Protein backbone atom coordinates (compact mmCIF):
# COMPACT_ATOMS: atom_id res chain seq x y z
CA MET A 1 -8.30 11.61 31.41
CA LYS A 2 -12.06 12.16 31.56
CA ILE A 3 -14.26 15.19 31.18
CA LYS A 4 -15.43 16.18 34.65
CA TYR A 5 -17.51 19.28 33.90
CA THR A 6 -18.19 22.16 31.57
CA SER A 7 -19.03 25.63 32.78
CA ILE A 8 -21.46 28.12 31.26
CA LYS A 9 -21.84 31.77 32.26
CA VAL A 10 -25.53 32.65 32.28
CA LYS A 11 -27.57 35.88 32.43
CA ASN A 12 -30.09 34.55 34.97
CA ILE A 13 -29.17 31.62 37.21
CA VAL A 14 -32.80 30.95 38.24
CA LYS A 15 -34.09 30.71 34.66
CA SER A 16 -31.06 28.72 33.49
CA LEU A 17 -31.31 26.30 36.40
CA LYS A 18 -34.98 25.67 35.62
CA PHE A 19 -34.19 25.16 31.93
CA TYR A 20 -31.38 22.61 32.44
CA LYS A 21 -33.30 20.72 35.15
CA LYS A 22 -36.54 20.52 33.13
CA ILE A 23 -35.17 19.97 29.64
CA PHE A 24 -32.21 17.70 30.45
CA ASP A 25 -33.41 16.19 33.76
CA LEU A 26 -30.21 17.19 35.58
CA ASP A 27 -29.84 17.05 39.36
CA VAL A 28 -28.31 19.78 41.54
CA VAL A 29 -25.20 18.49 43.34
CA ASP A 30 -23.79 21.77 44.70
CA GLU A 31 -24.77 25.43 45.02
CA TYR A 32 -22.95 28.60 46.06
CA TYR A 33 -24.46 32.06 46.32
CA SER A 34 -22.91 35.39 47.33
CA ASP A 35 -23.43 39.06 46.51
CA SER A 36 -21.00 38.85 43.58
CA ILE A 37 -21.48 35.36 42.13
CA SER A 38 -23.95 32.48 41.98
CA VAL A 39 -22.77 28.99 41.03
CA VAL A 40 -24.85 25.83 40.63
CA MET A 41 -23.37 22.44 39.74
CA LEU A 42 -25.73 20.03 37.97
CA THR A 43 -25.12 16.43 36.93
CA ASP A 44 -26.50 13.69 34.74
CA GLY A 45 -24.71 11.14 36.91
CA ASN A 46 -21.61 11.11 34.72
CA ILE A 47 -20.63 14.64 33.74
CA ASN A 48 -21.31 17.88 35.60
CA LEU A 49 -22.56 21.17 34.20
CA GLU A 50 -21.63 24.30 36.13
CA LEU A 51 -23.82 27.40 35.74
CA ILE A 52 -22.30 30.73 36.78
CA GLU A 53 -24.00 34.12 37.08
CA ASP A 54 -21.77 37.09 37.92
CA SER A 55 -21.44 40.77 37.09
CA SER A 56 -18.80 40.37 34.36
CA GLY A 57 -21.29 40.81 31.53
CA GLU A 58 -19.88 37.71 29.83
CA TYR A 59 -22.16 34.85 28.77
CA GLY A 60 -21.62 31.49 27.13
CA LEU A 61 -19.08 28.71 27.49
CA ASN A 62 -16.70 29.57 30.32
CA ASN A 63 -14.46 26.53 30.76
CA VAL A 64 -14.12 22.77 30.51
CA GLY A 65 -12.76 20.66 33.36
CA PHE A 66 -10.98 17.34 33.09
CA VAL A 67 -10.17 14.94 35.93
CA VAL A 68 -6.99 12.83 35.89
CA ASP A 69 -5.47 10.09 38.03
CA ASP A 70 -1.86 11.20 37.54
CA MET A 71 -1.04 14.88 37.15
CA GLY A 72 2.58 13.97 36.37
CA ASP A 73 1.60 12.46 33.02
CA VAL A 74 -0.33 15.61 32.10
CA LEU A 75 2.57 17.87 33.10
CA LYS A 76 4.90 15.86 30.83
CA ARG A 77 2.51 16.25 27.87
CA LEU A 78 2.04 19.98 28.47
CA ASP A 79 5.80 20.50 28.69
CA GLU A 80 6.35 18.34 25.59
CA PHE A 81 4.00 20.55 23.56
CA ASP A 82 5.24 23.78 25.21
CA VAL A 83 1.83 24.69 26.66
CA ASP A 84 1.76 27.40 29.34
CA TYR A 85 -0.25 26.61 32.46
CA LYS A 86 -0.81 27.78 36.00
CA LYS A 87 -0.66 25.21 38.81
CA GLN A 88 -2.68 25.68 41.97
CA SER A 89 -3.24 23.59 45.06
CA ILE A 90 -6.89 23.31 46.04
CA THR A 91 -6.59 21.18 49.17
CA GLU A 92 -4.02 18.78 50.49
CA GLY A 93 -3.70 15.96 47.98
CA ASN A 94 -5.67 17.76 45.25
CA SER A 95 -4.27 20.02 42.57
CA ILE A 96 -5.51 21.91 39.55
CA LEU A 97 -3.87 23.15 36.37
CA SER A 98 -5.40 26.05 34.46
CA LEU A 99 -4.63 26.70 30.80
CA CYS A 100 -6.24 27.89 27.57
CA ASP A 101 -6.67 26.08 24.29
CA TYR A 102 -5.66 27.74 21.01
CA ASP A 103 -9.05 29.48 20.76
CA GLY A 104 -8.89 30.93 24.28
CA VAL A 105 -11.25 28.46 25.98
CA ASP A 106 -10.23 28.01 29.61
CA ILE A 107 -9.42 24.44 30.62
CA ASN A 108 -8.98 23.14 34.17
CA ILE A 109 -7.28 19.80 34.83
CA ILE A 110 -7.96 18.39 38.29
CA GLN A 111 -6.32 15.56 40.20
CA GLU A 112 -8.60 14.50 43.05
């Protein structure tokens, strides 16, 4: 299992994007904008940083994403430790599990 990304909710996507690009020399790999949400995915070439601006009024760490080769192994571990999760299918062949750690941080586990 490897960390794939971390996600931060920001107050101003334009200012935050400038900050992370200038200070940490990150590259934009994906962008999505609508009336209700703006999302920009940045990378250092290894790990991605997702910036999210929406109308929720929440700011700070939003979630951490892990990528795995075999979701079956993860499911066994989650069941072994009695961890609740929600399984979703993203596209054919890909799946995602969503859960929270003991402090309420959202975690996504993705099999690509």
